[in-house]
Amino acid sequence: MSTTLEIRDSVYAKLLAKSLPRPIRTGAEHARLTAMLLEMDERDDLTPEEEALAEVLTLLIEDYEDKYHPLPGVSPNESLNSLMEERGLKHKDIWPVLGNKGAATEVLSGRRSISKAQAKRLSEYFRVPVDLFI
């Protein structure tokens, strides 16, 4: 999106006062902020202020998870296969995201790397960070 909506400081300040976002140092605080973010993520009608808060919460949560629960080093192809298995997806479900059947076969077998464009589409499809596929 190239347009940015103006954030009203007074509305944003009320959201901040209600949510009290701060660097996460405990599992309880991580759970609280994650629950807030997931609740916001379920909605399609976020205000610009709520979108800004969601971005702040995402950064705080990612920072905590990177520090205290880093993901093990997994190849992009392994990440894709794991996500597919976890969600019960088959080759036919994923090939439209990867471009075509041949590309999907090569990526899933590990004979071809995931391109940046494919990584972006996979990230959007699975709703996970694009880093998993790069």
C-alpha atoms as a PDB file:
ATOM      1  CA  MET A   1       0.000   0.000   0.000  1.00  0.00           C
ATOM      2  CA  SER A   2       1.410   3.368  -0.916  1.00  0.00           C
ATOM      3  CA  THR A   3      -1.090   5.445   1.049  1.00  0.00           C
ATOM      4  CA  THR A   4      -0.631   6.015   4.720  1.00  0.00           C
ATOM      5  CA  LEU A   5      -3.443   6.986   6.981  1.00  0.00           C
ATOM      6  CA  GLU A   6      -2.758   9.573   9.616  1.00  0.00           C
ATOM      7  CA  ILE A   7      -2.500   8.309  13.156  1.00  0.00           C
ATOM      8  CA  ARG A   8      -4.338  10.361  15.754  1.00  0.00           C
ATOM      9  CA  ASP A   9      -1.985  10.738  18.711  1.00  0.00           C
ATOM     10  CA  SER A  10      -4.739  10.911  21.332  1.00  0.00           C
ATOM     11  CA  VAL A  11      -6.350   7.668  20.089  1.00  0.00           C
ATOM     12  CA  TYR A  12      -2.985   5.933  19.820  1.00  0.00           C
ATOM     13  CA  ALA A  13      -2.017   7.104  23.311  1.00  0.00           C
ATOM     14  CA  LYS A  14      -5.195   5.523  24.733  1.00  0.00           C
ATOM     15  CA  LEU A  15      -4.360   2.222  22.993  1.00  0.00           C
ATOM     16  CA  LEU A  16      -0.834   2.329  24.395  1.00  0.00           C
ATOM     17  CA  ALA A  17      -2.122   3.089  27.894  1.00  0.00           C
ATOM     18  CA  LYS A  18      -4.547   0.174  27.671  1.00  0.00           C
ATOM     19  CA  SER A  19      -2.061  -2.349  26.247  1.00  0.00           C
ATOM     20  CA  LEU A  20       1.126  -1.171  28.005  1.00  0.00           C
ATOM     21  CA  PRO A  21       3.558  -2.576  25.429  1.00  0.00           C
ATOM     22  CA  ARG A  22       7.139  -2.855  26.642  1.00  0.00           C
ATOM     23  CA  PRO A  23      10.142  -5.103  26.039  1.00  0.00           C
ATOM     24  CA  ILE A  24       9.094  -8.672  26.836  1.00  0.00           C
ATOM     25  CA  ARG A  25      11.101 -10.477  29.489  1.00  0.00           C
ATOM     26  CA  THR A  26       8.722 -13.170  30.758  1.00  0.00           C
ATOM     27  CA  GLY A  27       6.598 -15.909  29.282  1.00  0.00           C
ATOM     28  CA  ALA A  28       3.496 -14.366  30.858  1.00  0.00           C
ATOM     29  CA  GLU A  29       4.141 -11.014  29.198  1.00  0.00           C
ATOM     30  CA  HIS A  30       4.807 -12.777  25.896  1.00  0.00           C
ATOM     31  CA  ALA A  31       1.505 -14.650  26.195  1.00  0.00           C
ATOM     32  CA  ARG A  32      -0.397 -11.445  27.043  1.00  0.00           C
ATOM     33  CA  LEU A  33       0.936  -9.453  24.107  1.00  0.00           C
ATOM     34  CA  THR A  34       0.635 -12.410  21.723  1.00  0.00           C
ATOM     35  CA  ALA A  35      -3.039 -12.825  22.695  1.00  0.00           C
ATOM     36  CA  MET A  36      -3.619  -9.121  22.012  1.00  0.00           C
ATOM     37  CA  LEU A  37      -1.943  -9.373  18.623  1.00  0.00           C
ATOM     38  CA  LEU A  38      -3.862 -12.512  17.644  1.00  0.00           C
ATOM     39  CA  GLU A  39      -7.127 -10.838  18.590  1.00  0.00           C
ATOM     40  CA  MET A  40      -6.250  -7.877  16.385  1.00  0.00           C
ATOM     41  CA  ASP A  41      -5.112 -10.188  13.584  1.00  0.00           C
ATOM     42  CA  GLU A  42      -8.592 -11.765  13.441  1.00  0.00           C
ATOM     43  CA  ARG A  43     -10.155  -8.436  12.522  1.00  0.00           C
ATOM     44  CA  ASP A  44     -10.310  -6.882   9.073  1.00  0.00           C
ATOM     45  CA  ASP A  45     -11.328  -3.416  10.248  1.00  0.00           C
ATOM     46  CA  LEU A  46      -8.332  -2.145  12.217  1.00  0.00           C
ATOM     47  CA  THR A  47      -7.953   1.585  12.602  1.00  0.00           C
ATOM     48  CA  PRO A  48      -4.625   3.179  11.653  1.00  0.00           C
ATOM     49  CA  GLU A  49      -3.843   3.438  15.372  1.00  0.00           C
ATOM     50  CA  GLU A  50      -4.561  -0.263  15.902  1.00  0.00           C
ATOM     51  CA  GLU A  51      -2.407  -1.153  12.901  1.00  0.00           C
ATOM     52  CA  ALA A  52       0.462   0.854  14.405  1.00  0.00           C
ATOM     53  CA  LEU A  53       0.013  -0.920  17.744  1.00  0.00           C
ATOM     54  CA  ALA A  54      -0.063  -4.302  15.983  1.00  0.00           C
ATOM     55  CA  GLU A  55       3.240  -3.443  14.317  1.00  0.00           C
ATOM     56  CA  VAL A  56       4.795  -2.498  17.676  1.00  0.00           C
ATOM     57  CA  LEU A  57       3.496  -5.721  19.277  1.00  0.00           C
ATOM     58  CA  THR A  58       4.888  -7.758  16.377  1.00  0.00           C
ATOM     59  CA  LEU A  59       8.333  -6.224  16.833  1.00  0.00           C
ATOM     60  CA  LEU A  60       8.295  -6.838  20.590  1.00  0.00           C
ATOM     61  CA  ILE A  61       7.145 -10.437  20.178  1.00  0.00           C
ATOM     62  CA  GLU A  62       9.691 -11.175  17.446  1.00  0.00           C
ATOM     63  CA  ASP A  63      12.471  -9.684  19.563  1.00  0.00           C
ATOM     64  CA  TYR A  64      11.510 -11.857  22.557  1.00  0.00           C
ATOM     65  CA  GLU A  65      11.212 -14.999  20.445  1.00  0.00           C
ATOM     66  CA  ASP A  66      14.550 -14.352  18.737  1.00  0.00           C
ATOM     67  CA  LYS A  67      16.266 -13.926  22.114  1.00  0.00           C
ATOM     68  CA  TYR A  68      14.592 -16.633  24.179  1.00  0.00           C
ATOM     69  CA  HIS A  69      13.197 -19.124  21.668  1.00  0.00           C
ATOM     70  CA  PRO A  70      15.330 -18.951  18.529  1.00  0.00           C
ATOM     71  CA  LEU A  71      14.267 -21.189  15.695  1.00  0.00           C
ATOM     72  CA  PRO A  72      16.684 -23.998  14.919  1.00  0.00           C
ATOM     73  CA  GLY A  73      18.570 -23.687  11.675  1.00  0.00           C
ATOM     74  CA  VAL A  74      16.261 -25.249   9.122  1.00  0.00           C
ATOM     75  CA  SER A  75      16.556 -25.034   5.356  1.00  0.00           C
ATOM     76  CA  PRO A  76      13.844 -23.147   3.468  1.00  0.00           C
ATOM     77  CA  ASN A  77      12.704 -26.392   1.815  1.00  0.00           C
ATOM     78  CA  GLU A  78      12.471 -28.108   5.217  1.00  0.00           C
ATOM     79  CA  SER A  79      10.427 -25.181   6.531  1.00  0.00           C
ATOM     80  CA  LEU A  80       8.020 -25.496   3.623  1.00  0.00           C
ATOM     81  CA  ASN A  81       7.681 -29.270   3.977  1.00  0.00           C
ATOM     82  CA  SER A  82       7.118 -28.934   7.723  1.00  0.00           C
ATOM     83  CA  LEU A  83       4.431 -26.260   7.300  1.00  0.00           C
ATOM     84  CA  MET A  84       2.691 -28.351   4.665  1.00  0.00           C
ATOM     85  CA  GLU A  85       2.750 -31.464   6.867  1.00  0.00           C
ATOM     86  CA  GLU A  86       1.543 -29.491   9.871  1.00  0.00           C
ATOM     87  CA  ARG A  87      -1.431 -28.185   7.891  1.00  0.00           C
ATOM     88  CA  GLY A  88      -2.172 -31.364   5.988  1.00  0.00           C
ATOM     89  CA  LEU A  89      -1.321 -29.862   2.589  1.00  0.00           C
ATOM     90  CA  LYS A  90      -0.284 -31.827  -0.483  1.00  0.00           C
ATOM     91  CA  HIS A  91       1.678 -30.976  -3.638  1.00  0.00           C
ATOM     92  CA  LYS A  92      -1.523 -29.988  -5.449  1.00  0.00           C
ATOM     93  CA  ASP A  93      -2.352 -27.477  -2.698  1.00  0.00           C
ATOM     94  CA  ILE A  94       0.957 -25.639  -2.894  1.00  0.00           C
ATOM     95  CA  TRP A  95       1.872 -25.589  -6.571  1.00  0.00           C
ATOM     96  CA  PRO A  96      -0.317 -22.538  -7.362  1.00  0.00           C
ATOM     97  CA  VAL A  97       1.650 -20.582  -4.747  1.00  0.00           C
ATOM     98  CA  LEU A  98       5.000 -21.711  -6.187  1.00  0.00           C
ATOM     99  CA  GLY A  99       3.993 -20.977  -9.775  1.00  0.00           C
ATOM    100  CA  ASN A 100       3.422 -24.353 -11.411  1.00  0.00           C
ATOM    101  CA  LYS A 101       3.535 -28.098 -10.816  1.00  0.00           C
ATOM    102  CA  GLY A 102       7.111 -28.517 -12.032  1.00  0.00           C
ATOM    103  CA  ALA A 103       8.469 -25.767  -9.802  1.00  0.00           C
ATOM    104  CA  ALA A 104       6.601 -27.199  -6.823  1.00  0.00           C
ATOM    105  CA  THR A 105       8.011 -30.673  -7.470  1.00  0.00           C
ATOM    106  CA  GLU A 106      11.575 -29.362  -7.706  1.00  0.00           C
ATOM    107  CA  VAL A 107      11.269 -27.132  -4.627  1.00  0.00           C
ATOM    108  CA  LEU A 108       9.617 -29.822  -2.490  1.00  0.00           C
ATOM    109  CA  SER A 109      12.250 -32.394  -3.467  1.00  0.00           C
ATOM    110  CA  GLY A 110      15.072 -29.952  -2.709  1.00  0.00           C
ATOM    111  CA  ARG A 111      16.358 -29.872  -6.295  1.00  0.00           C
ATOM    112  CA  ARG A 112      15.527 -26.169  -6.618  1.00  0.00           C
ATOM    113  CA  SER A 113      15.859 -23.314  -4.157  1.00  0.00           C
ATOM    114  CA  ILE A 114      12.901 -21.154  -3.268  1.00  0.00           C
ATOM    115  CA  SER A 115      13.124 -17.856  -5.153  1.00  0.00           C
ATOM    116  CA  LYS A 116      12.566 -14.518  -3.412  1.00  0.00           C
ATOM    117  CA  ALA A 117       9.233 -14.071  -5.207  1.00  0.00           C
ATOM    118  CA  GLN A 118       8.129 -17.567  -4.168  1.00  0.00           C
ATOM    119  CA  ALA A 119       9.298 -16.905  -0.600  1.00  0.00           C
ATOM    120  CA  LYS A 120       7.146 -13.789  -0.450  1.00  0.00           C
ATOM    121  CA  ARG A 121       4.081 -15.648  -1.753  1.00  0.00           C
ATOM    122  CA  LEU A 122       4.689 -18.537   0.654  1.00  0.00           C
ATOM    123  CA  SER A 123       5.045 -16.097   3.536  1.00  0.00           C
ATOM    124  CA  GLU A 124       1.697 -14.522   2.680  1.00  0.00           C
ATOM    125  CA  TYR A 125       0.025 -17.892   2.092  1.00  0.00           C
ATOM    126  CA  PHE A 126       1.177 -19.418   5.384  1.00  0.00           C
ATOM    127  CA  ARG A 127       1.164 -16.116   7.294  1.00  0.00           C
ATOM    128  CA  VAL A 128       4.692 -16.643   8.584  1.00  0.00           C
ATOM    129  CA  PRO A 129       7.892 -14.566   8.318  1.00  0.00           C
ATOM    130  CA  VAL A 130       9.458 -14.597   4.863  1.00  0.00           C
ATOM    131  CA  ASP A 131      12.798 -15.472   6.543  1.00  0.00           C
ATOM    132  CA  LEU A 132      11.641 -19.095   6.839  1.00  0.00           C
ATOM    133  CA  PHE A 133      11.925 -19.460   3.071  1.00  0.00           C
ATOM    134  CA  ILE A 134      15.114 -17.498   2.358  1.00  0.00           C
END
